[in-house]
Amino acid sequence: MTLSQQIITIALCIAGTMLTRFLPFAVFNENRKTPAFVQYIGKFLPSAVFGMLVVYCLKDVSILQGNHALPEFISVFLTAALHLWKRQMLLSIAGGTICYMLLIHFVF
């Protein structure tokens, strides 16, 4: 990439980021009620994304070979337990990831 292409790319990234940050405030001002569809998406989308993450992480796990998916199931259990206990998604994901990495490097 030339310098001018890099500058244009960075400028477009900045413009896109600013547009996605400021557009909701312009469309949904405080004087109007937020549409029910947007409220529905805001309520259920985080759970759907978390579910999709679980499916993506476990799609290639083989129960019949290797370590029989024990690190994966232990980590999923820990992630669910942490989430039910603290209700903090970042802690849940980080805890499950750290558990999985420790299990595959030091135990299995």
C-alpha atoms as a PDB file:
ATOM      1  CA  MET A   1       0.000   0.000   0.000  1.00  0.00           C
ATOM      2  CA  THR A   2       1.208   3.450  -0.774  1.00  0.00           C
ATOM      3  CA  LEU A   3       1.156   6.216   1.830  1.00  0.00           C
ATOM      4  CA  SER A   4      -1.887   7.865   0.268  1.00  0.00           C
ATOM      5  CA  GLN A   5      -3.787   4.549   0.273  1.00  0.00           C
ATOM      6  CA  GLN A   6      -2.921   4.053   3.942  1.00  0.00           C
ATOM      7  CA  ILE A   7      -4.143   7.548   4.806  1.00  0.00           C
ATOM      8  CA  ILE A   8      -7.402   6.990   2.895  1.00  0.00           C
ATOM      9  CA  THR A   9      -7.915   3.618   4.595  1.00  0.00           C
ATOM     10  CA  ILE A  10      -7.352   5.080   8.057  1.00  0.00           C
ATOM     11  CA  ALA A  11      -9.652   8.021   7.288  1.00  0.00           C
ATOM     12  CA  LEU A  12     -12.419   5.662   6.131  1.00  0.00           C
ATOM     13  CA  CYS A  13     -12.014   3.543   9.273  1.00  0.00           C
ATOM     14  CA  ILE A  14     -12.283   6.660  11.425  1.00  0.00           C
ATOM     15  CA  ALA A  15     -15.350   7.868   9.502  1.00  0.00           C
ATOM     16  CA  GLY A  16     -17.029   4.462   9.756  1.00  0.00           C
ATOM     17  CA  THR A  17     -16.353   4.231  13.468  1.00  0.00           C
ATOM     18  CA  MET A  18     -17.625   7.743  14.122  1.00  0.00           C
ATOM     19  CA  LEU A  19     -20.730   7.100  12.009  1.00  0.00           C
ATOM     20  CA  THR A  20     -21.616   3.947  13.936  1.00  0.00           C
ATOM     21  CA  ARG A  21     -21.040   5.732  17.257  1.00  0.00           C
ATOM     22  CA  PHE A  22     -22.987   8.930  16.509  1.00  0.00           C
ATOM     23  CA  LEU A  23     -25.793   7.645  14.247  1.00  0.00           C
ATOM     24  CA  PRO A  24     -27.860   6.017  17.033  1.00  0.00           C
ATOM     25  CA  PHE A  25     -27.939   9.330  18.914  1.00  0.00           C
ATOM     26  CA  ALA A  26     -29.179  11.098  15.795  1.00  0.00           C
ATOM     27  CA  VAL A  27     -31.796   8.465  14.922  1.00  0.00           C
ATOM     28  CA  PHE A  28     -33.029   7.688  18.439  1.00  0.00           C
ATOM     29  CA  ASN A  29     -33.118  11.013  20.222  1.00  0.00           C
ATOM     30  CA  GLU A  30     -34.400  11.270  23.784  1.00  0.00           C
ATOM     31  CA  ASN A  31     -37.707  12.849  22.752  1.00  0.00           C
ATOM     32  CA  ARG A  32     -38.869   9.763  20.839  1.00  0.00           C
ATOM     33  CA  LYS A  33     -39.580   6.324  22.251  1.00  0.00           C
ATOM     34  CA  THR A  34     -37.166   3.612  21.157  1.00  0.00           C
ATOM     35  CA  PRO A  35     -38.927   1.135  18.817  1.00  0.00           C
ATOM     36  CA  ALA A  36     -39.897  -2.203  20.335  1.00  0.00           C
ATOM     37  CA  PHE A  37     -37.782  -4.089  17.779  1.00  0.00           C
ATOM     38  CA  VAL A  38     -34.622  -2.231  18.820  1.00  0.00           C
ATOM     39  CA  GLN A  39     -35.399  -2.893  22.497  1.00  0.00           C
ATOM     40  CA  TYR A  40     -35.922  -6.584  21.694  1.00  0.00           C
ATOM     41  CA  ILE A  41     -32.572  -6.798  19.876  1.00  0.00           C
ATOM     42  CA  GLY A  42     -30.834  -4.995  22.727  1.00  0.00           C
ATOM     43  CA  LYS A  43     -32.272  -7.472  25.208  1.00  0.00           C
ATOM     44  CA  PHE A  44     -31.590 -10.762  23.401  1.00  0.00           C
ATOM     45  CA  LEU A  45     -28.623 -10.141  21.081  1.00  0.00           C
ATOM     46  CA  PRO A  46     -25.892 -10.487  23.754  1.00  0.00           C
ATOM     47  CA  SER A  47     -27.185 -13.934  24.741  1.00  0.00           C
ATOM     48  CA  ALA A  48     -27.426 -14.982  21.096  1.00  0.00           C
ATOM     49  CA  VAL A  49     -23.849 -13.887  20.451  1.00  0.00           C
ATOM     50  CA  PHE A  50     -22.655 -15.832  23.497  1.00  0.00           C
ATOM     51  CA  GLY A  51     -24.536 -18.922  22.274  1.00  0.00           C
ATOM     52  CA  MET A  52     -23.024 -18.566  18.809  1.00  0.00           C
ATOM     53  CA  LEU A  53     -19.576 -18.315  20.407  1.00  0.00           C
ATOM     54  CA  VAL A  54     -20.155 -21.604  22.246  1.00  0.00           C
ATOM     55  CA  VAL A  55     -21.270 -23.352  19.060  1.00  0.00           C
ATOM     56  CA  TYR A  56     -18.275 -21.985  17.135  1.00  0.00           C
ATOM     57  CA  CYS A  57     -15.817 -23.070  19.825  1.00  0.00           C
ATOM     58  CA  LEU A  58     -17.206 -26.612  20.058  1.00  0.00           C
ATOM     59  CA  LYS A  59     -17.873 -27.303  16.371  1.00  0.00           C
ATOM     60  CA  ASP A  60     -14.685 -29.300  15.756  1.00  0.00           C
ATOM     61  CA  VAL A  61     -14.522 -31.138  19.088  1.00  0.00           C
ATOM     62  CA  SER A  62     -14.291 -34.908  18.761  1.00  0.00           C
ATOM     63  CA  ILE A  63     -15.630 -36.918  21.666  1.00  0.00           C
ATOM     64  CA  LEU A  64     -14.365 -40.214  20.222  1.00  0.00           C
ATOM     65  CA  GLN A  65     -10.705 -39.257  19.726  1.00  0.00           C
ATOM     66  CA  GLY A  66      -7.804 -37.799  21.685  1.00  0.00           C
ATOM     67  CA  ASN A  67      -8.643 -36.566  25.145  1.00  0.00           C
ATOM     68  CA  HIS A  68     -12.389 -37.146  24.566  1.00  0.00           C
ATOM     69  CA  ALA A  69     -13.198 -33.419  24.792  1.00  0.00           C
ATOM     70  CA  LEU A  70     -12.558 -33.256  28.529  1.00  0.00           C
ATOM     71  CA  PRO A  71     -10.733 -29.891  28.467  1.00  0.00           C
ATOM     72  CA  GLU A  72     -13.530 -28.363  26.421  1.00  0.00           C
ATOM     73  CA  PHE A  73     -16.322 -29.640  28.674  1.00  0.00           C
ATOM     74  CA  ILE A  74     -14.489 -28.669  31.876  1.00  0.00           C
ATOM     75  CA  SER A  75     -13.899 -25.176  30.486  1.00  0.00           C
ATOM     76  CA  VAL A  76     -17.520 -24.793  29.340  1.00  0.00           C
ATOM     77  CA  PHE A  77     -18.706 -25.885  32.794  1.00  0.00           C
ATOM     78  CA  LEU A  78     -16.372 -23.385  34.477  1.00  0.00           C
ATOM     79  CA  THR A  79     -17.496 -20.612  32.122  1.00  0.00           C
ATOM     80  CA  ALA A  80     -21.164 -21.308  32.885  1.00  0.00           C
ATOM     81  CA  ALA A  81     -20.493 -21.519  36.633  1.00  0.00           C
ATOM     82  CA  LEU A  82     -18.576 -18.228  36.634  1.00  0.00           C
ATOM     83  CA  HIS A  83     -21.323 -16.545  34.667  1.00  0.00           C
ATOM     84  CA  LEU A  84     -24.073 -17.796  36.963  1.00  0.00           C
ATOM     85  CA  TRP A  85     -22.043 -16.758  39.996  1.00  0.00           C
ATOM     86  CA  LYS A  86     -20.820 -13.278  39.005  1.00  0.00           C
ATOM     87  CA  ARG A  87     -22.942 -12.360  35.941  1.00  0.00           C
ATOM     88  CA  GLN A  88     -19.954 -10.723  34.231  1.00  0.00           C
ATOM     89  CA  MET A  89     -19.431 -11.850  30.671  1.00  0.00           C
ATOM     90  CA  LEU A  90     -15.784 -10.735  30.464  1.00  0.00           C
ATOM     91  CA  LEU A  91     -14.900 -12.684  33.609  1.00  0.00           C
ATOM     92  CA  SER A  92     -16.753 -15.749  32.328  1.00  0.00           C
ATOM     93  CA  ILE A  93     -15.048 -15.760  28.934  1.00  0.00           C
ATOM     94  CA  ALA A  94     -11.600 -15.017  30.372  1.00  0.00           C
ATOM     95  CA  GLY A  95     -11.967 -17.671  33.076  1.00  0.00           C
ATOM     96  CA  GLY A  96     -13.045 -20.347  30.610  1.00  0.00           C
ATOM     97  CA  THR A  97     -10.286 -19.440  28.170  1.00  0.00           C
ATOM     98  CA  ILE A  98      -7.587 -19.492  30.844  1.00  0.00           C
ATOM     99  CA  CYS A  99      -8.887 -22.810  32.185  1.00  0.00           C
ATOM    100  CA  TYR A 100      -8.843 -24.345  28.703  1.00  0.00           C
ATOM    101  CA  MET A 101      -5.320 -23.120  27.957  1.00  0.00           C
ATOM    102  CA  LEU A 102      -3.994 -24.438  31.262  1.00  0.00           C
ATOM    103  CA  LEU A 103      -5.693 -27.801  30.721  1.00  0.00           C
ATOM    104  CA  ILE A 104      -4.396 -28.388  27.206  1.00  0.00           C
ATOM    105  CA  HIS A 105      -0.855 -27.240  28.032  1.00  0.00           C
ATOM    106  CA  PHE A 106      -0.299 -28.842  31.424  1.00  0.00           C
ATOM    107  CA  VAL A 107      -2.839 -31.632  31.963  1.00  0.00           C
ATOM    108  CA  PHE A 108      -3.891 -33.232  28.663  1.00  0.00           C
END
